Amino acid sequence: MSAAANALRGEGELRIGGTTHVLRPSFGALVAAEAELGPLFALVERAADGRLALGEMATLFWHCIAERPAALTREAVGEAVVAAGLAGATPALRLLLGQILQGR
């Protein structure tokens, strides 16, 4: 389990398989997400238009998990998003998207 999320750093949390993981939108994490998902501004626009795909959300979360355990899989992240439902995953998504737009 990671340390608690630090809101001042723009961190959020995602519960995966009974463990809470910190989502940290570091430069490296966002570059990796952008390499896979395309431009982050376009991702934000899709989210604002309600067109963000479930897989895109899970991919952004995957790249932003701080101190990601070796045993954690992308599938588990996706399943956690489904288990939380869109309403449950939206606060973490909103926080990450806000950091993409505003920075720290």
PDB file of N, CA and C in Angstrom:
ATOM      1  N   MET A   1       0.838  -1.171   0.000  1.00  0.00           N
ATOM      2  CA  MET A   1       0.000   0.000   0.000  1.00  0.00           C
ATOM      3  C   MET A   1       0.882   1.233   0.000  1.00  0.00           C
ATOM      4  N   SER A   2       0.518   2.223  -0.782  1.00  0.00           N
ATOM      5  CA  SER A   2       1.245   3.481  -0.845  1.00  0.00           C
ATOM      6  C   SER A   2       0.848   4.359   0.330  1.00  0.00           C
ATOM      7  N   ALA A   3       1.657   5.386   0.568  1.00  0.00           N
ATOM      8  CA  ALA A   3       1.300   6.381   1.581  1.00  0.00           C
ATOM      9  C   ALA A   3       0.019   7.077   1.146  1.00  0.00           C
ATOM     10  N   ALA A   4      -0.583   7.818   2.057  1.00  0.00           N
ATOM     11  CA  ALA A   4      -1.826   8.527   1.727  1.00  0.00           C
ATOM     12  C   ALA A   4      -1.567   9.576   0.652  1.00  0.00           C
ATOM     13  N   ALA A   5      -2.584   9.826  -0.161  1.00  0.00           N
ATOM     14  CA  ALA A   5      -2.489  10.834  -1.216  1.00  0.00           C
ATOM     15  C   ALA A   5      -2.322  12.218  -0.604  1.00  0.00           C
ATOM     16  N   ASN A   6      -1.542  13.041  -1.277  1.00  0.00           N
ATOM     17  CA  ASN A   6      -1.294  14.412  -0.860  1.00  0.00           C
ATOM     18  C   ASN A   6      -2.018  15.336  -1.831  1.00  0.00           C
ATOM     19  N   ALA A   7      -3.118  15.908  -1.395  1.00  0.00           N
ATOM     20  CA  ALA A   7      -3.920  16.777  -2.262  1.00  0.00           C
ATOM     21  C   ALA A   7      -3.131  17.990  -2.741  1.00  0.00           C
ATOM     22  N   LEU A   8      -2.183  18.456  -1.948  1.00  0.00           N
ATOM     23  CA  LEU A   8      -1.374  19.608  -2.349  1.00  0.00           C
ATOM     24  C   LEU A   8      -0.482  19.290  -3.544  1.00  0.00           C
ATOM     25  N   ARG A   9      -0.205  18.009  -3.752  1.00  0.00           N
ATOM     26  CA  ARG A   9       0.588  17.576  -4.905  1.00  0.00           C
ATOM     27  C   ARG A   9      -0.311  17.146  -6.059  1.00  0.00           C
ATOM     28  N   GLY A  10      -1.604  17.265  -5.895  1.00  0.00           N
ATOM     29  CA  GLY A  10      -2.530  16.868  -6.938  1.00  0.00           C
ATOM     30  C   GLY A  10      -2.745  15.375  -7.014  1.00  0.00           C
ATOM     31  N   GLU A  11      -2.498  14.686  -5.918  1.00  0.00           N
ATOM     32  CA  GLU A  11      -2.644  13.241  -5.907  1.00  0.00           C
ATOM     33  C   GLU A  11      -4.076  12.823  -5.568  1.00  0.00           C
ATOM     34  N   GLY A  12      -4.449  11.685  -6.090  1.00  0.00           N
ATOM     35  CA  GLY A  12      -5.743  11.092  -5.783  1.00  0.00           C
ATOM     36  C   GLY A  12      -5.536   9.662  -5.319  1.00  0.00           C
ATOM     37  N   GLU A  13      -6.624   8.956  -5.120  1.00  0.00           N
ATOM     38  CA  GLU A  13      -6.550   7.571  -4.670  1.00  0.00           C
ATOM     39  C   GLU A  13      -7.485   6.700  -5.492  1.00  0.00           C
ATOM     40  N   LEU A  14      -7.074   5.458  -5.662  1.00  0.00           N
ATOM     41  CA  LEU A  14      -7.898   4.459  -6.334  1.00  0.00           C
ATOM     42  C   LEU A  14      -7.764   3.160  -5.550  1.00  0.00           C
ATOM     43  N   ARG A  15      -8.898   2.577  -5.212  1.00  0.00           N
ATOM     44  CA  ARG A  15      -8.910   1.311  -4.473  1.00  0.00           C
ATOM     45  C   ARG A  15      -8.897   0.175  -5.490  1.00  0.00           C
ATOM     46  N   ILE A  16      -7.886  -0.688  -5.359  1.00  0.00           N
ATOM     47  CA  ILE A  16      -7.714  -1.811  -6.283  1.00  0.00           C
ATOM     48  C   ILE A  16      -7.549  -3.076  -5.460  1.00  0.00           C
ATOM     49  N   GLY A  17      -8.497  -3.979  -5.585  1.00  0.00           N
ATOM     50  CA  GLY A  17      -8.405  -5.258  -4.886  1.00  0.00           C
ATOM     51  C   GLY A  17      -8.219  -5.130  -3.385  1.00  0.00           C
ATOM     52  N   GLY A  18      -8.899  -4.188  -2.776  1.00  0.00           N
ATOM     53  CA  GLY A  18      -8.839  -4.030  -1.337  1.00  0.00           C
ATOM     54  C   GLY A  18      -7.695  -3.158  -0.840  1.00  0.00           C
ATOM     55  N   THR A  19      -6.856  -2.663  -1.733  1.00  0.00           N
ATOM     56  CA  THR A  19      -5.736  -1.798  -1.353  1.00  0.00           C
ATOM     57  C   THR A  19      -5.914  -0.437  -2.002  1.00  0.00           C
ATOM     58  N   THR A  20      -5.669   0.606  -1.241  1.00  0.00           N
ATOM     59  CA  THR A  20      -5.750   1.964  -1.783  1.00  0.00           C
ATOM     60  C   THR A  20      -4.381   2.365  -2.328  1.00  0.00           C
ATOM     61  N   HIS A  21      -4.372   2.800  -3.579  1.00  0.00           N
ATOM     62  CA  HIS A  21      -3.147   3.224  -4.256  1.00  0.00           C
ATOM     63  C   HIS A  21      -3.217   4.719  -4.537  1.00  0.00           C
ATOM     64  N   VAL A  22      -2.069   5.368  -4.404  1.00  0.00           N
ATOM     65  CA  VAL A  22      -1.965   6.803  -4.696  1.00  0.00           C
ATOM     66  C   VAL A  22      -1.807   6.984  -6.197  1.00  0.00           C
ATOM     67  N   LEU A  23      -2.574   7.911  -6.746  1.00  0.00           N
ATOM     68  CA  LEU A  23      -2.433   8.313  -8.144  1.00  0.00           C
ATOM     69  C   LEU A  23      -1.668   9.632  -8.147  1.00  0.00           C
ATOM     70  N   ARG A  24      -0.463   9.603  -8.703  1.00  0.00           N
ATOM     71  CA  ARG A  24       0.407  10.785  -8.702  1.00  0.00           C
ATOM     72  C   ARG A  24       0.674  11.201 -10.152  1.00  0.00           C
ATOM     73  N   PRO A  25       0.166  12.358 -10.558  1.00  0.00           N
ATOM     74  CA  PRO A  25       0.356  12.809 -11.943  1.00  0.00           C
ATOM     75  C   PRO A  25       1.735  13.452 -12.145  1.00  0.00           C
ATOM     76  N   SER A  26       2.793  12.641 -11.998  1.00  0.00           N
ATOM     77  CA  SER A  26       4.151  13.149 -12.187  1.00  0.00           C
ATOM     78  C   SER A  26       4.410  13.380 -13.680  1.00  0.00           C
ATOM     79  N   PHE A  27       5.467  14.105 -13.961  1.00  0.00           N
ATOM     80  CA  PHE A  27       5.832  14.349 -15.356  1.00  0.00           C
ATOM     81  C   PHE A  27       6.022  13.030 -16.098  1.00  0.00           C
ATOM     82  N   GLY A  28       6.780  12.117 -15.503  1.00  0.00           N
ATOM     83  CA  GLY A  28       7.032  10.833 -16.150  1.00  0.00           C
ATOM     84  C   GLY A  28       5.766  10.035 -16.405  1.00  0.00           C
ATOM     85  N   ALA A  29       4.859  10.046 -15.425  1.00  0.00           N
ATOM     86  CA  ALA A  29       3.603   9.319 -15.576  1.00  0.00           C
ATOM     87  C   ALA A  29       2.747   9.915 -16.688  1.00  0.00           C
ATOM     88  N   LEU A  30       2.705  11.242 -16.749  1.00  0.00           N
ATOM     89  CA  LEU A  30       1.883  11.894 -17.776  1.00  0.00           C
ATOM     90  C   LEU A  30       2.494  11.737 -19.170  1.00  0.00           C
ATOM     91  N   VAL A  31       3.812  11.743 -19.263  1.00  0.00           N
ATOM     92  CA  VAL A  31       4.471  11.502 -20.556  1.00  0.00           C
ATOM     93  C   VAL A  31       4.172  10.087 -21.036  1.00  0.00           C
ATOM     94  N   ALA A  32       4.237   9.115 -20.136  1.00  0.00           N
ATOM     95  CA  ALA A  32       3.932   7.730 -20.502  1.00  0.00           C
ATOM     96  C   ALA A  32       2.474   7.584 -20.936  1.00  0.00           C
ATOM     97  N   ALA A  33       1.571   8.239 -20.216  1.00  0.00           N
ATOM     98  CA  ALA A  33       0.151   8.185 -20.578  1.00  0.00           C
ATOM     99  C   ALA A  33      -0.073   8.833 -21.939  1.00  0.00           C
ATOM    100  N   GLU A  34       0.578   9.964 -22.162  1.00  0.00           N
ATOM    101  CA  GLU A  34       0.423  10.671 -23.436  1.00  0.00           C
ATOM    102  C   GLU A  34       0.970   9.844 -24.598  1.00  0.00           C
ATOM    103  N   ALA A  35       2.070   9.138 -24.367  1.00  0.00           N
ATOM    104  CA  ALA A  35       2.642   8.298 -25.422  1.00  0.00           C
ATOM    105  C   ALA A  35       1.660   7.201 -25.844  1.00  0.00           C
ATOM    106  N   GLU A  36       0.864   6.750 -24.901  1.00  0.00           N
ATOM    107  CA  GLU A  36      -0.093   5.685 -25.204  1.00  0.00           C
ATOM    108  C   GLU A  36      -1.456   6.209 -25.655  1.00  0.00           C
ATOM    109  N   LEU A  37      -1.894   7.320 -25.058  1.00  0.00           N
ATOM    110  CA  LEU A  37      -3.252   7.816 -25.297  1.00  0.00           C
ATOM    111  C   LEU A  37      -3.342   8.960 -26.294  1.00  0.00           C
ATOM    112  N   GLY A  38      -2.214   9.540 -26.651  1.00  0.00           N
ATOM    113  CA  GLY A  38      -2.223  10.721 -27.509  1.00  0.00           C
ATOM    114  C   GLY A  38      -2.190  11.968 -26.640  1.00  0.00           C
ATOM    115  N   PRO A  39      -2.289  13.126 -27.266  1.00  0.00           N
ATOM    116  CA  PRO A  39      -2.164  14.390 -26.529  1.00  0.00           C
ATOM    117  C   PRO A  39      -3.117  14.474 -25.336  1.00  0.00           C
ATOM    118  N   LEU A  40      -2.572  14.914 -24.211  1.00  0.00           N
ATOM    119  CA  LEU A  40      -3.378  14.999 -22.997  1.00  0.00           C
ATOM    120  C   LEU A  40      -4.467  16.056 -23.096  1.00  0.00           C
ATOM    121  N   PHE A  41      -4.217  17.126 -23.829  1.00  0.00           N
ATOM    122  CA  PHE A  41      -5.264  18.135 -23.978  1.00  0.00           C
ATOM    123  C   PHE A  41      -6.475  17.537 -24.686  1.00  0.00           C
ATOM    124  N   ALA A  42      -6.237  16.699 -25.688  1.00  0.00           N
ATOM    125  CA  ALA A  42      -7.339  16.024 -26.382  1.00  0.00           C
ATOM    126  C   ALA A  42      -8.068  15.070 -25.435  1.00  0.00           C
ATOM    127  N   LEU A  43      -7.326  14.435 -24.538  1.00  0.00           N
ATOM    128  CA  LEU A  43      -7.938  13.558 -23.536  1.00  0.00           C
ATOM    129  C   LEU A  43      -8.868  14.355 -22.624  1.00  0.00           C
ATOM    130  N   VAL A  44      -8.396  15.513 -22.205  1.00  0.00           N
ATOM    131  CA  VAL A  44      -9.217  16.390 -21.362  1.00  0.00           C
ATOM    132  C   VAL A  44     -10.465  16.831 -22.113  1.00  0.00           C
ATOM    133  N   GLU A  45     -10.314  17.182 -23.378  1.00  0.00           N
ATOM    134  CA  GLU A  45     -11.472  17.595 -24.188  1.00  0.00           C
ATOM    135  C   GLU A  45     -12.484  16.464 -24.320  1.00  0.00           C
ATOM    136  N   ARG A  46     -12.001  15.242 -24.557  1.00  0.00           N
ATOM    137  CA  ARG A  46     -12.922  14.097 -24.654  1.00  0.00           C
ATOM    138  C   ARG A  46     -13.662  13.893 -23.335  1.00  0.00           C
ATOM    139  N   ALA A  47     -12.946  14.033 -22.235  1.00  0.00           N
ATOM    140  CA  ALA A  47     -13.577  13.881 -20.926  1.00  0.00           C
ATOM    141  C   ALA A  47     -14.644  14.961 -20.726  1.00  0.00           C
ATOM    142  N   ALA A  48     -14.329  16.185 -21.097  1.00  0.00           N
ATOM    143  CA  ALA A  48     -15.284  17.292 -20.940  1.00  0.00           C
ATOM    144  C   ALA A  48     -16.526  17.083 -21.793  1.00  0.00           C
ATOM    145  N   ASP A  49     -16.347  16.427 -22.937  1.00  0.00           N
ATOM    146  CA  ASP A  49     -17.472  16.157 -23.840  1.00  0.00           C
ATOM    147  C   ASP A  49     -18.196  14.854 -23.510  1.00  0.00           C
ATOM    148  N   GLY A  50     -17.750  14.159 -22.454  1.00  0.00           N
ATOM    149  CA  GLY A  50     -18.370  12.889 -22.089  1.00  0.00           C
ATOM    150  C   GLY A  50     -17.999  11.762 -23.024  1.00  0.00           C
ATOM    151  N   ARG A  51     -16.863  11.878 -23.703  1.00  0.00           N
ATOM    152  CA  ARG A  51     -16.443  10.869 -24.676  1.00  0.00           C
ATOM    153  C   ARG A  51     -15.188  10.116 -24.244  1.00  0.00           C
ATOM    154  N   LEU A  52     -14.827  10.207 -22.977  1.00  0.00           N
ATOM    155  CA  LEU A  52     -13.650   9.486 -22.499  1.00  0.00           C
ATOM    156  C   LEU A  52     -14.006   8.012 -22.345  1.00  0.00           C
ATOM    157  N   ALA A  53     -13.244   7.173 -22.988  1.00  0.00           N
ATOM    158  CA  ALA A  53     -13.506   5.730 -22.938  1.00  0.00           C
ATOM    159  C   ALA A  53     -13.011   5.142 -21.617  1.00  0.00           C
ATOM    160  N   LEU A  54     -13.639   4.094 -21.190  1.00  0.00           N
ATOM    161  CA  LEU A  54     -13.276   3.406 -19.955  1.00  0.00           C
ATOM    162  C   LEU A  54     -11.809   2.965 -19.992  1.00  0.00           C
ATOM    163  N   GLY A  55     -11.370   2.459 -21.115  1.00  0.00           N
ATOM    164  CA  GLY A  55      -9.980   2.035 -21.265  1.00  0.00           C
ATOM    165  C   GLY A  55      -9.000   3.190 -21.137  1.00  0.00           C
ATOM    166  N   GLU A  56      -9.396   4.359 -21.612  1.00  0.00           N
ATOM    167  CA  GLU A  56      -8.533   5.537 -21.482  1.00  0.00           C
ATOM    168  C   GLU A  56      -8.389   5.946 -20.024  1.00  0.00           C
ATOM    169  N   MET A  57      -9.486   5.889 -19.306  1.00  0.00           N
ATOM    170  CA  MET A  57      -9.448   6.227 -17.885  1.00  0.00           C
ATOM    171  C   MET A  57      -8.538   5.252 -17.140  1.00  0.00           C
ATOM    172  N   ALA A  58      -8.707   3.969 -17.406  1.00  0.00           N
ATOM    173  CA  ALA A  58      -7.889   2.957 -16.741  1.00  0.00           C
ATOM    174  C   ALA A  58      -6.411   3.121 -17.107  1.00  0.00           C
ATOM    175  N   THR A  59      -6.125   3.478 -18.348  1.00  0.00           N
ATOM    176  CA  THR A  59      -4.743   3.682 -18.779  1.00  0.00           C
ATOM    177  C   THR A  59      -4.126   4.881 -18.080  1.00  0.00           C
ATOM    178  N   LEU A  60      -4.850   5.975 -17.959  1.00  0.00           N
ATOM    179  CA  LEU A  60      -4.343   7.142 -17.241  1.00  0.00           C
ATOM    180  C   LEU A  60      -4.061   6.780 -15.789  1.00  0.00           C
ATOM    181  N   PHE A  61      -4.986   6.075 -15.153  1.00  0.00           N
ATOM    182  CA  PHE A  61      -4.787   5.644 -13.774  1.00  0.00           C
ATOM    183  C   PHE A  61      -3.552   4.744 -13.670  1.00  0.00           C
ATOM    184  N   TRP A  62      -3.423   3.800 -14.591  1.00  0.00           N
ATOM    185  CA  TRP A  62      -2.298   2.860 -14.576  1.00  0.00           C
ATOM    186  C   TRP A  62      -0.958   3.605 -14.547  1.00  0.00           C
ATOM    187  N   HIS A  63      -0.825   4.569 -15.424  1.00  0.00           N
ATOM    188  CA  HIS A  63       0.438   5.300 -15.515  1.00  0.00           C
ATOM    189  C   HIS A  63       0.677   6.191 -14.296  1.00  0.00           C
ATOM    190  N   CYS A  64      -0.377   6.613 -13.633  1.00  0.00           N
ATOM    191  CA  CYS A  64      -0.239   7.530 -12.500  1.00  0.00           C
ATOM    192  C   CYS A  64      -0.142   6.833 -11.146  1.00  0.00           C
ATOM    193  N   ILE A  65      -0.231   5.514 -11.103  1.00  0.00           N
ATOM    194  CA  ILE A  65      -0.118   4.819  -9.821  1.00  0.00           C
ATOM    195  C   ILE A  65       1.314   4.953  -9.319  1.00  0.00           C
ATOM    196  N   ALA A  66       1.445   5.590  -8.174  1.00  0.00           N
ATOM    197  CA  ALA A  66       2.765   5.756  -7.549  1.00  0.00           C
ATOM    198  C   ALA A  66       3.149   4.447  -6.864  1.00  0.00           C
ATOM    199  N   GLU A  67       4.419   4.126  -6.888  1.00  0.00           N
ATOM    200  CA  GLU A  67       4.907   2.920  -6.206  1.00  0.00           C
ATOM    201  C   GLU A  67       4.082   1.693  -6.602  1.00  0.00           C
ATOM    202  N   ARG A  68       3.897   1.520  -7.904  1.00  0.00           N
ATOM    203  CA  ARG A  68       3.072   0.422  -8.418  1.00  0.00           C
ATOM    204  C   ARG A  68       3.727  -0.925  -8.115  1.00  0.00           C
ATOM    205  N   PRO A  69       3.030  -1.794  -7.394  1.00  0.00           N
ATOM    206  CA  PRO A  69       3.575  -3.127  -7.095  1.00  0.00           C
ATOM    207  C   PRO A  69       3.752  -3.938  -8.379  1.00  0.00           C
ATOM    208  N   ALA A  70       4.789  -4.751  -8.414  1.00  0.00           N
ATOM    209  CA  ALA A  70       5.069  -5.565  -9.595  1.00  0.00           C
ATOM    210  C   ALA A  70       3.920  -6.519  -9.916  1.00  0.00           C
ATOM    211  N   ALA A  71       3.194  -6.959  -8.903  1.00  0.00           N
ATOM    212  CA  ALA A  71       2.108  -7.921  -9.111  1.00  0.00           C
ATOM    213  C   ALA A  71       0.826  -7.271  -9.634  1.00  0.00           C
ATOM    214  N   LEU A  72       0.749  -5.953  -9.582  1.00  0.00           N
ATOM    215  CA  LEU A  72      -0.462  -5.256 -10.039  1.00  0.00           C
ATOM    216  C   LEU A  72      -0.520  -5.277 -11.559  1.00  0.00           C
ATOM    217  N   THR A  73      -1.686  -5.605 -12.103  1.00  0.00           N
ATOM    218  CA  THR A  73      -1.856  -5.664 -13.555  1.00  0.00           C
ATOM    219  C   THR A  73      -2.787  -4.557 -14.037  1.00  0.00           C
ATOM    220  N   ARG A  74      -2.667  -4.268 -15.314  1.00  0.00           N
ATOM    221  CA  ARG A  74      -3.587  -3.295 -15.918  1.00  0.00           C
ATOM    222  C   ARG A  74      -5.025  -3.779 -15.824  1.00  0.00           C
ATOM    223  N   GLU A  75      -5.204  -5.071 -15.986  1.00  0.00           N
ATOM    224  CA  GLU A  75      -6.551  -5.638 -15.895  1.00  0.00           C
ATOM    225  C   GLU A  75      -7.157  -5.363 -14.525  1.00  0.00           C
ATOM    226  N   ALA A  76      -6.353  -5.478 -13.481  1.00  0.00           N
ATOM    227  CA  ALA A  76      -6.840  -5.198 -12.120  1.00  0.00           C
ATOM    228  C   ALA A  76      -7.240  -3.736 -11.977  1.00  0.00           C
ATOM    229  N   VAL A  77      -6.497  -2.845 -12.615  1.00  0.00           N
ATOM    230  CA  VAL A  77      -6.854  -1.422 -12.577  1.00  0.00           C
ATOM    231  C   VAL A  77      -8.186  -1.209 -13.285  1.00  0.00           C
ATOM    232  N   GLY A  78      -8.336  -1.805 -14.452  1.00  0.00           N
ATOM    233  CA  GLY A  78      -9.597  -1.698 -15.182  1.00  0.00           C
ATOM    234  C   GLY A  78     -10.765  -2.265 -14.396  1.00  0.00           C
ATOM    235  N   GLU A  79     -10.548  -3.404 -13.772  1.00  0.00           N
ATOM    236  CA  GLU A  79     -11.601  -4.013 -12.951  1.00  0.00           C
ATOM    237  C   GLU A  79     -11.953  -3.130 -11.757  1.00  0.00           C
ATOM    238  N   ALA A  80     -10.958  -2.455 -11.197  1.00  0.00           N
ATOM    239  CA  ALA A  80     -11.220  -1.549 -10.073  1.00  0.00           C
ATOM    240  C   ALA A  80     -12.077  -0.369 -10.517  1.00  0.00           C
ATOM    241  N   VAL A  81     -11.832   0.122 -11.724  1.00  0.00           N
ATOM    242  CA  VAL A  81     -12.647   1.221 -12.256  1.00  0.00           C
ATOM    243  C   VAL A  81     -14.081   0.749 -12.444  1.00  0.00           C
ATOM    244  N   VAL A  82     -14.248  -0.454 -12.983  1.00  0.00           N
ATOM    245  CA  VAL A  82     -15.589  -1.007 -13.171  1.00  0.00           C
ATOM    246  C   VAL A  82     -16.267  -1.227 -11.818  1.00  0.00           C
ATOM    247  N   ALA A  83     -15.512  -1.760 -10.851  1.00  0.00           N
ATOM    248  CA  ALA A  83     -16.075  -2.021  -9.524  1.00  0.00           C
ATOM    249  C   ALA A  83     -16.509  -0.726  -8.837  1.00  0.00           C
ATOM    250  N   ALA A  84     -15.717   0.329  -9.006  1.00  0.00           N
ATOM    251  CA  ALA A  84     -16.054   1.619  -8.389  1.00  0.00           C
ATOM    252  C   ALA A  84     -17.209   2.293  -9.124  1.00  0.00           C
ATOM    253  N   GLY A  85     -17.378   1.942 -10.391  1.00  0.00           N
ATOM    254  CA  GLY A  85     -18.383   2.611 -11.209  1.00  0.00           C
ATOM    255  C   GLY A  85     -17.862   3.982 -11.623  1.00  0.00           C
ATOM    256  N   LEU A  86     -18.483   4.553 -12.621  1.00  0.00           N
ATOM    257  CA  LEU A  86     -18.031   5.862 -13.096  1.00  0.00           C
ATOM    258  C   LEU A  86     -18.128   6.919 -12.006  1.00  0.00           C
ATOM    259  N   ALA A  87     -19.169   6.848 -11.199  1.00  0.00           N
ATOM    260  CA  ALA A  87     -19.318   7.835 -10.122  1.00  0.00           C
ATOM    261  C   ALA A  87     -18.201   7.686  -9.102  1.00  0.00           C
ATOM    262  N   GLY A  88     -17.773   6.472  -8.821  1.00  0.00           N
ATOM    263  CA  GLY A  88     -16.715   6.246  -7.854  1.00  0.00           C
ATOM    264  C   GLY A  88     -15.334   6.594  -8.383  1.00  0.00           C
ATOM    265  N   ALA A  89     -15.119   6.450  -9.684  1.00  0.00           N
ATOM    266  CA  ALA A  89     -13.815   6.733 -10.283  1.00  0.00           C
ATOM    267  C   ALA A  89     -13.667   8.194 -10.694  1.00  0.00           C
ATOM    268  N   THR A  90     -14.776   8.897 -10.826  1.00  0.00           N
ATOM    269  CA  THR A  90     -14.735  10.277 -11.313  1.00  0.00           C
ATOM    270  C   THR A  90     -13.950  11.233 -10.422  1.00  0.00           C
ATOM    271  N   PRO A  91     -14.027  11.163  -9.092  1.00  0.00           N
ATOM    272  CA  PRO A  91     -13.226  12.109  -8.296  1.00  0.00           C
ATOM    273  C   PRO A  91     -11.724  12.018  -8.585  1.00  0.00           C
ATOM    274  N   ALA A  92     -11.193  10.819  -8.705  1.00  0.00           N
ATOM    275  CA  ALA A  92      -9.771  10.655  -9.020  1.00  0.00           C
ATOM    276  C   ALA A  92      -9.479  11.162 -10.426  1.00  0.00           C
ATOM    277  N   LEU A  93     -10.364  10.867 -11.360  1.00  0.00           N
ATOM    278  CA  LEU A  93     -10.192  11.333 -12.734  1.00  0.00           C
ATOM    279  C   LEU A  93     -10.218  12.858 -12.784  1.00  0.00           C
ATOM    280  N   ARG A  94     -11.173  13.451 -12.118  1.00  0.00           N
ATOM    281  CA  ARG A  94     -11.293  14.912 -12.098  1.00  0.00           C
ATOM    282  C   ARG A  94     -10.016  15.554 -11.549  1.00  0.00           C
ATOM    283  N   LEU A  95      -9.484  14.955 -10.498  1.00  0.00           N
ATOM    284  CA  LEU A  95      -8.262  15.485  -9.898  1.00  0.00           C
ATOM    285  C   LEU A  95      -7.085  15.400 -10.882  1.00  0.00           C
ATOM    286  N   LEU A  96      -6.923  14.260 -11.540  1.00  0.00           N
ATOM    287  CA  LEU A  96      -5.829  14.106 -12.503  1.00  0.00           C
ATOM    288  C   LEU A  96      -5.992  15.051 -13.688  1.00  0.00           C
ATOM    289  N   LEU A  97      -7.195  15.169 -14.204  1.00  0.00           N
ATOM    290  CA  LEU A  97      -7.421  16.067 -15.335  1.00  0.00           C
ATOM    291  C   LEU A  97      -7.178  17.517 -14.935  1.00  0.00           C
ATOM    292  N   GLY A  98      -7.564  17.865 -13.715  1.00  0.00           N
ATOM    293  CA  GLY A  98      -7.308  19.216 -13.216  1.00  0.00           C
ATOM    294  C   GLY A  98      -5.813  19.492 -13.147  1.00  0.00           C
ATOM    295  N   GLN A  99      -5.037  18.510 -12.739  1.00  0.00           N
ATOM    296  CA  GLN A  99      -3.586  18.683 -12.672  1.00  0.00           C
ATOM    297  C   GLN A  99      -2.986  18.828 -14.059  1.00  0.00           C
ATOM    298  N   ILE A 100      -3.536  18.099 -15.026  1.00  0.00           N
ATOM    299  CA  ILE A 100      -3.056  18.215 -16.397  1.00  0.00           C
ATOM    300  C   ILE A 100      -3.274  19.632 -16.897  1.00  0.00           C
ATOM    301  N   LEU A 101      -4.421  20.214 -16.592  1.00  0.00           N
ATOM    302  CA  LEU A 101      -4.742  21.564 -17.061  1.00  0.00           C
ATOM    303  C   LEU A 101      -4.059  22.672 -16.263  1.00  0.00           C
ATOM    304  N   GLN A 102      -3.974  22.503 -14.965  1.00  0.00           N
ATOM    305  CA  GLN A 102      -3.511  23.587 -14.109  1.00  0.00           C
ATOM    306  C   GLN A 102      -2.080  23.426 -13.632  1.00  0.00           C
ATOM    307  N   GLY A 103      -1.597  22.219 -13.526  1.00  0.00           N
ATOM    308  CA  GLY A 103      -0.281  21.998 -12.935  1.00  0.00           C
ATOM    309  C   GLY A 103      -0.350  22.191 -11.428  1.00  0.00           C
ATOM    310  N   ARG A 104       0.798  22.239 -10.809  1.00  0.00           N
ATOM    311  CA  ARG A 104       0.841  22.384  -9.353  1.00  0.00           C
ATOM    312  C   ARG A 104       0.998  23.824  -8.979  1.00  0.00           C
TER     313      ARG A 104
END
